Amino acid sequence: MNCLEERIAKDGIVREGNVLKVDNFLNHQMDVELFREMGLEWKKRFEGKNINKILTIEASGIGIAAVVALEFGVPVVFAKKSKSINIDGEFYSAEVESFTHKNVNNVIVSKKYLTEEDHVLIIDDFLANGCALQGLIRIVQSSGATVEGIGIAIEKGFQIGGKLIRNLGFQLESLAIVDGMDAATGSIQFREQ
């Protein structure tokens, strides 16, 4: 997706430790017009799939998922990183390690919002090692729902996550795949798609 790659090249900042900082348009300040373009692209890529729910993880995926849900005309469910007093009843849970935050969270989704009738498109901002996606997949499978596909804004193609998820047999559609970054020069190399 050229417009996302162009925006990453223009405004993305490469930091040591394979960190790509895109908080000025993707995951702190949000460019919702860019999100709309991303949603339209995923709508094309998952055409013909019977999607009735979008699932993401708290917090950076929520904004993107909400705009994508408008394009699909379906609700968004997000996995919470902690149980609060306003979650009643039973829930699905999975342990998820965060590449960015370097911690482990037990993420949860209320059983009221994910059932065996659901056909789910998982949406997230980044894919690095694949831990968050594996947790979301486990939650969907625990509910008896079907993962219809996975949409990622930015995949770090030089890390294992994309290969791991594709090897599990899921349709994974990343809009920008970064194959290399250099913090010293600030350069970013994208994979041809």
C-alpha atoms as a PDB file:
ATOM      1  CA  MET A   1       0.000   0.000   0.000  1.00  0.00           C
ATOM      2  CA  ASN A   2       1.925   2.967  -1.263  1.00  0.00           C
ATOM      3  CA  CYS A   3       0.261   5.700   0.823  1.00  0.00           C
ATOM      4  CA  LEU A   4       1.163   3.926   4.086  1.00  0.00           C
ATOM      5  CA  GLU A   5       4.719   3.192   2.945  1.00  0.00           C
ATOM      6  CA  GLU A   6       5.121   6.802   1.822  1.00  0.00           C
ATOM      7  CA  ARG A   7       3.894   8.042   5.192  1.00  0.00           C
ATOM      8  CA  ILE A   8       6.248   5.711   7.049  1.00  0.00           C
ATOM      9  CA  ALA A   9       9.186   6.850   4.884  1.00  0.00           C
ATOM     10  CA  LYS A  10       8.263  10.515   5.426  1.00  0.00           C
ATOM     11  CA  ASP A  11       7.323  10.543   9.133  1.00  0.00           C
ATOM     12  CA  GLY A  12       8.605   7.278  10.625  1.00  0.00           C
ATOM     13  CA  ILE A  13      11.614   7.421  12.928  1.00  0.00           C
ATOM     14  CA  VAL A  14      13.958   4.460  13.270  1.00  0.00           C
ATOM     15  CA  ARG A  15      15.399   3.848  16.735  1.00  0.00           C
ATOM     16  CA  GLU A  16      17.927   1.368  18.079  1.00  0.00           C
ATOM     17  CA  GLY A  17      16.585  -2.081  18.896  1.00  0.00           C
ATOM     18  CA  ASN A  18      14.469  -2.442  15.727  1.00  0.00           C
ATOM     19  CA  VAL A  19      11.967   0.192  16.884  1.00  0.00           C
ATOM     20  CA  LEU A  20       9.969   2.074  14.254  1.00  0.00           C
ATOM     21  CA  LYS A  21       8.333   5.125  15.777  1.00  0.00           C
ATOM     22  CA  VAL A  22       5.122   6.098  13.944  1.00  0.00           C
ATOM     23  CA  ASP A  23       3.278   7.738  16.805  1.00  0.00           C
ATOM     24  CA  ASN A  24       2.669  10.980  14.934  1.00  0.00           C
ATOM     25  CA  PHE A  25       0.160   9.308  12.584  1.00  0.00           C
ATOM     26  CA  LEU A  26      -0.561   5.700  13.626  1.00  0.00           C
ATOM     27  CA  ASN A  27      -0.551   4.914  17.315  1.00  0.00           C
ATOM     28  CA  HIS A  28      -0.578   8.078  19.441  1.00  0.00           C
ATOM     29  CA  GLN A  29      -1.791  10.847  17.165  1.00  0.00           C
ATOM     30  CA  MET A  30      -4.011   9.167  14.584  1.00  0.00           C
ATOM     31  CA  ASP A  31      -4.522  10.096  10.938  1.00  0.00           C
ATOM     32  CA  VAL A  32      -8.064   8.795  10.494  1.00  0.00           C
ATOM     33  CA  GLU A  33      -8.094   9.600   6.773  1.00  0.00           C
ATOM     34  CA  LEU A  34      -5.093   7.265   6.399  1.00  0.00           C
ATOM     35  CA  PHE A  35      -6.985   4.702   8.526  1.00  0.00           C
ATOM     36  CA  ARG A  36      -9.935   4.987   6.127  1.00  0.00           C
ATOM     37  CA  GLU A  37      -7.636   4.246   3.176  1.00  0.00           C
ATOM     38  CA  MET A  38      -6.263   1.254   5.084  1.00  0.00           C
ATOM     39  CA  GLY A  39      -9.804   0.051   5.814  1.00  0.00           C
ATOM     40  CA  LEU A  40     -10.738   0.287   2.141  1.00  0.00           C
ATOM     41  CA  GLU A  41      -7.649  -1.732   1.212  1.00  0.00           C
ATOM     42  CA  TRP A  42      -8.440  -4.482   3.741  1.00  0.00           C
ATOM     43  CA  LYS A  43     -12.045  -4.509   2.526  1.00  0.00           C
ATOM     44  CA  LYS A  44     -10.682  -5.334  -0.961  1.00  0.00           C
ATOM     45  CA  ARG A  45      -8.212  -7.933   0.293  1.00  0.00           C
ATOM     46  CA  PHE A  46     -10.827  -9.774   2.370  1.00  0.00           C
ATOM     47  CA  GLU A  47     -13.640  -9.460  -0.167  1.00  0.00           C
ATOM     48  CA  GLY A  48     -15.939 -12.474  -0.093  1.00  0.00           C
ATOM     49  CA  LYS A  49     -15.117 -13.326   3.525  1.00  0.00           C
ATOM     50  CA  ASN A  50     -18.079 -13.542   5.891  1.00  0.00           C
ATOM     51  CA  ILE A  51     -16.743 -11.077   8.494  1.00  0.00           C
ATOM     52  CA  ASN A  52     -19.099  -9.965  11.257  1.00  0.00           C
ATOM     53  CA  LYS A  53     -16.614  -8.816  13.934  1.00  0.00           C
ATOM     54  CA  ILE A  54     -13.316  -6.994  14.087  1.00  0.00           C
ATOM     55  CA  LEU A  55     -10.999  -8.000  16.949  1.00  0.00           C
ATOM     56  CA  THR A  56      -7.973  -6.059  18.129  1.00  0.00           C
ATOM     57  CA  ILE A  57      -5.914  -5.606  21.276  1.00  0.00           C
ATOM     58  CA  GLU A  58      -5.743  -2.656  23.642  1.00  0.00           C
ATOM     59  CA  ALA A  59      -4.653   0.069  22.997  1.00  0.00           C
ATOM     60  CA  SER A  60      -2.898   0.998  19.732  1.00  0.00           C
ATOM     61  CA  GLY A  61      -5.058  -1.211  17.528  1.00  0.00           C
ATOM     62  CA  ILE A  62      -8.375   0.282  18.669  1.00  0.00           C
ATOM     63  CA  GLY A  63      -8.354   3.421  16.525  1.00  0.00           C
ATOM     64  CA  ILE A  64      -7.427   1.550  13.359  1.00  0.00           C
ATOM     65  CA  ALA A  65      -9.918  -1.247  14.080  1.00  0.00           C
ATOM     66  CA  ALA A  66     -12.755   1.227  14.665  1.00  0.00           C
ATOM     67  CA  VAL A  67     -12.264   2.884  11.281  1.00  0.00           C
ATOM     68  CA  VAL A  68     -11.876  -0.502   9.564  1.00  0.00           C
ATOM     69  CA  ALA A  69     -15.111  -1.657  11.222  1.00  0.00           C
ATOM     70  CA  LEU A  70     -16.930   1.268   9.572  1.00  0.00           C
ATOM     71  CA  GLU A  71     -15.825  -0.034   6.159  1.00  0.00           C
ATOM     72  CA  PHE A  72     -17.072  -3.551   6.986  1.00  0.00           C
ATOM     73  CA  GLY A  73     -20.209  -2.349   8.795  1.00  0.00           C
ATOM     74  CA  VAL A  74     -19.500  -4.526  11.842  1.00  0.00           C
ATOM     75  CA  PRO A  75     -18.670  -3.986  15.543  1.00  0.00           C
ATOM     76  CA  VAL A  76     -15.193  -3.929  17.086  1.00  0.00           C
ATOM     77  CA  VAL A  77     -14.206  -6.001  20.098  1.00  0.00           C
ATOM     78  CA  PHE A  78     -10.898  -5.335  21.782  1.00  0.00           C
ATOM     79  CA  ALA A  79      -8.950  -7.560  24.124  1.00  0.00           C
ATOM     80  CA  LYS A  80      -8.371  -5.726  27.389  1.00  0.00           C
ATOM     81  CA  LYS A  81      -4.990  -5.928  29.087  1.00  0.00           C
ATOM     82  CA  SER A  82      -6.481  -6.098  32.567  1.00  0.00           C
ATOM     83  CA  LYS A  83      -9.732  -7.147  34.201  1.00  0.00           C
ATOM     84  CA  SER A  84     -11.667  -4.200  35.574  1.00  0.00           C
ATOM     85  CA  ILE A  85     -14.725  -4.059  37.801  1.00  0.00           C
ATOM     86  CA  ASN A  86     -16.986  -3.335  34.838  1.00  0.00           C
ATOM     87  CA  ILE A  87     -16.297  -6.713  33.183  1.00  0.00           C
ATOM     88  CA  ASP A  88     -18.970  -9.067  34.405  1.00  0.00           C
ATOM     89  CA  GLY A  89     -19.415 -12.725  33.663  1.00  0.00           C
ATOM     90  CA  GLU A  90     -17.003 -15.114  32.057  1.00  0.00           C
ATOM     91  CA  PHE A  91     -14.239 -14.224  29.654  1.00  0.00           C
ATOM     92  CA  TYR A  92     -11.622 -15.734  27.379  1.00  0.00           C
ATOM     93  CA  SER A  93      -8.001 -14.994  28.187  1.00  0.00           C
ATOM     94  CA  ALA A  94      -4.542 -15.446  26.741  1.00  0.00           C
ATOM     95  CA  GLU A  95      -1.043 -14.496  27.830  1.00  0.00           C
ATOM     96  CA  VAL A  96       0.574 -12.041  25.429  1.00  0.00           C
ATOM     97  CA  GLU A  97       4.149 -10.751  25.400  1.00  0.00           C
ATOM     98  CA  SER A  98       4.569  -7.208  24.056  1.00  0.00           C
ATOM     99  CA  PHE A  99       7.599  -6.495  21.852  1.00  0.00           C
ATOM    100  CA  THR A 100       7.204  -2.743  22.379  1.00  0.00           C
ATOM    101  CA  HIS A 101       6.547  -2.703  26.122  1.00  0.00           C
ATOM    102  CA  LYS A 102       8.771  -5.690  26.995  1.00  0.00           C
ATOM    103  CA  ASN A 103       6.170  -7.165  29.338  1.00  0.00           C
ATOM    104  CA  VAL A 104       3.565  -9.926  29.498  1.00  0.00           C
ATOM    105  CA  ASN A 105      -0.156  -9.212  29.798  1.00  0.00           C
ATOM    106  CA  ASN A 106      -3.072 -11.528  30.359  1.00  0.00           C
ATOM    107  CA  VAL A 107      -5.540 -10.156  27.786  1.00  0.00           C
ATOM    108  CA  ILE A 108      -9.256 -10.849  28.086  1.00  0.00           C
ATOM    109  CA  VAL A 109     -12.439 -10.711  26.010  1.00  0.00           C
ATOM    110  CA  SER A 110     -15.884 -11.116  27.544  1.00  0.00           C
ATOM    111  CA  LYS A 111     -17.685 -14.253  26.373  1.00  0.00           C
ATOM    112  CA  LYS A 112     -20.699 -12.031  25.631  1.00  0.00           C
ATOM    113  CA  TYR A 113     -18.879 -10.431  22.697  1.00  0.00           C
ATOM    114  CA  LEU A 114     -17.296 -13.420  20.977  1.00  0.00           C
ATOM    115  CA  THR A 115     -19.277 -16.560  20.171  1.00  0.00           C
ATOM    116  CA  GLU A 116     -19.110 -19.570  17.881  1.00  0.00           C
ATOM    117  CA  GLU A 117     -21.306 -17.735  15.336  1.00  0.00           C
ATOM    118  CA  ASP A 118     -18.661 -15.044  14.816  1.00  0.00           C
ATOM    119  CA  HIS A 119     -16.399 -14.697  11.788  1.00  0.00           C
ATOM    120  CA  VAL A 120     -13.525 -12.503  12.895  1.00  0.00           C
ATOM    121  CA  LEU A 121     -11.055 -10.223  11.167  1.00  0.00           C
ATOM    122  CA  ILE A 122      -8.147  -9.484  13.502  1.00  0.00           C
ATOM    123  CA  ILE A 123      -6.634  -6.008  13.029  1.00  0.00           C
ATOM    124  CA  ASP A 124      -3.498  -4.586  14.658  1.00  0.00           C
ATOM    125  CA  ASP A 125      -0.977  -1.822  14.089  1.00  0.00           C
ATOM    126  CA  PHE A 126       2.286  -3.833  14.218  1.00  0.00           C
ATOM    127  CA  LEU A 127       3.486  -7.383  13.745  1.00  0.00           C
ATOM    128  CA  ALA A 128       6.958  -8.183  15.076  1.00  0.00           C
ATOM    129  CA  ASN A 129       7.295 -11.541  16.846  1.00  0.00           C
ATOM    130  CA  GLY A 130       3.643 -12.540  16.528  1.00  0.00           C
ATOM    131  CA  CYS A 131       2.921 -12.956  20.245  1.00  0.00           C
ATOM    132  CA  ALA A 132      -0.095 -10.612  20.330  1.00  0.00           C
ATOM    133  CA  LEU A 133      -1.617 -12.254  17.254  1.00  0.00           C
ATOM    134  CA  GLN A 134      -1.118 -15.740  18.659  1.00  0.00           C
ATOM    135  CA  GLY A 135      -2.941 -14.650  21.826  1.00  0.00           C
ATOM    136  CA  LEU A 136      -5.840 -13.180  19.837  1.00  0.00           C
ATOM    137  CA  ILE A 137      -6.032 -16.321  17.690  1.00  0.00           C
ATOM    138  CA  ARG A 138      -6.190 -18.482  20.854  1.00  0.00           C
ATOM    139  CA  ILE A 139      -9.037 -16.324  22.177  1.00  0.00           C
ATOM    140  CA  VAL A 140     -10.997 -16.640  18.918  1.00  0.00           C
ATOM    141  CA  GLN A 141     -10.436 -20.395  18.820  1.00  0.00           C
ATOM    142  CA  SER A 142     -11.463 -20.750  22.487  1.00  0.00           C
ATOM    143  CA  SER A 143     -14.773 -19.070  21.655  1.00  0.00           C
ATOM    144  CA  GLY A 144     -15.453 -21.424  18.759  1.00  0.00           C
ATOM    145  CA  ALA A 145     -15.465 -18.463  16.362  1.00  0.00           C
ATOM    146  CA  THR A 146     -13.603 -18.469  13.032  1.00  0.00           C
ATOM    147  CA  VAL A 147     -10.577 -16.350  12.162  1.00  0.00           C
ATOM    148  CA  GLU A 148     -11.391 -15.169   8.632  1.00  0.00           C
ATOM    149  CA  GLY A 149      -8.179 -13.195   8.281  1.00  0.00           C
ATOM    150  CA  ILE A 150      -5.631 -10.903   9.871  1.00  0.00           C
ATOM    151  CA  GLY A 151      -4.862  -7.337   8.828  1.00  0.00           C
ATOM    152  CA  ILE A 152      -1.668  -5.647   9.974  1.00  0.00           C
ATOM    153  CA  ALA A 153      -0.701  -2.057   9.250  1.00  0.00           C
ATOM    154  CA  ILE A 154       3.083  -2.534   9.543  1.00  0.00           C
ATOM    155  CA  GLU A 155       4.832  -5.895   9.561  1.00  0.00           C
ATOM    156  CA  LYS A 156       8.503  -6.125  10.461  1.00  0.00           C
ATOM    157  CA  GLY A 157       9.393  -8.656   7.789  1.00  0.00           C
ATOM    158  CA  PHE A 158      12.843  -9.244   9.269  1.00  0.00           C
ATOM    159  CA  GLN A 159      11.288 -10.630  12.467  1.00  0.00           C
ATOM    160  CA  ILE A 160       9.622 -14.025  12.806  1.00  0.00           C
ATOM    161  CA  GLY A 161       5.974 -13.053  13.395  1.00  0.00           C
ATOM    162  CA  GLY A 162       4.751 -12.888   9.799  1.00  0.00           C
ATOM    163  CA  LYS A 163       6.290 -16.225   8.838  1.00  0.00           C
ATOM    164  CA  LEU A 164       4.955 -17.864  11.983  1.00  0.00           C
ATOM    165  CA  ILE A 165       1.367 -16.666  11.429  1.00  0.00           C
ATOM    166  CA  ARG A 166       1.385 -17.518   7.715  1.00  0.00           C
ATOM    167  CA  ASN A 167       2.733 -21.002   8.535  1.00  0.00           C
ATOM    168  CA  LEU A 168      -0.333 -21.500  10.762  1.00  0.00           C
ATOM    169  CA  GLY A 169      -2.425 -21.167   7.589  1.00  0.00           C
ATOM    170  CA  PHE A 170      -4.066 -17.782   8.176  1.00  0.00           C
ATOM    171  CA  GLN A 171      -4.613 -15.156   5.484  1.00  0.00           C
ATOM    172  CA  LEU A 172      -2.338 -12.386   6.737  1.00  0.00           C
ATOM    173  CA  GLU A 173      -2.540  -9.087   4.879  1.00  0.00           C
ATOM    174  CA  SER A 174       0.106  -6.552   5.915  1.00  0.00           C
ATOM    175  CA  LEU A 175      -0.229  -3.166   4.227  1.00  0.00           C
ATOM    176  CA  ALA A 176       3.467  -2.298   4.658  1.00  0.00           C
ATOM    177  CA  ILE A 177       6.237  -4.833   5.206  1.00  0.00           C
ATOM    178  CA  VAL A 178       9.494  -3.380   6.464  1.00  0.00           C
ATOM    179  CA  ASP A 179      12.409  -5.627   5.496  1.00  0.00           C
ATOM    180  CA  GLY A 180      15.140  -3.537   7.088  1.00  0.00           C
ATOM    181  CA  MET A 181      15.819  -0.418   9.124  1.00  0.00           C
ATOM    182  CA  ASP A 182      18.984   1.440  10.040  1.00  0.00           C
ATOM    183  CA  ALA A 183      18.870   3.674  13.116  1.00  0.00           C
ATOM    184  CA  ALA A 184      22.164   5.357  12.187  1.00  0.00           C
ATOM    185  CA  THR A 185      20.914   6.576   8.803  1.00  0.00           C
ATOM    186  CA  GLY A 186      17.169   6.514   9.481  1.00  0.00           C
ATOM    187  CA  SER A 187      16.644   4.438   6.340  1.00  0.00           C
ATOM    188  CA  ILE A 188      13.738   2.027   5.933  1.00  0.00           C
ATOM    189  CA  GLN A 189      13.540  -0.707   3.278  1.00  0.00           C
ATOM    190  CA  PHE A 190      10.134  -2.040   2.208  1.00  0.00           C
ATOM    191  CA  ARG A 191       9.324  -5.420   0.684  1.00  0.00           C
ATOM    192  CA  GLU A 192       7.762  -5.372  -2.769  1.00  0.00           C
ATOM    193  CA  GLN A 193       4.181  -6.637  -2.576  1.00  0.00           C
END
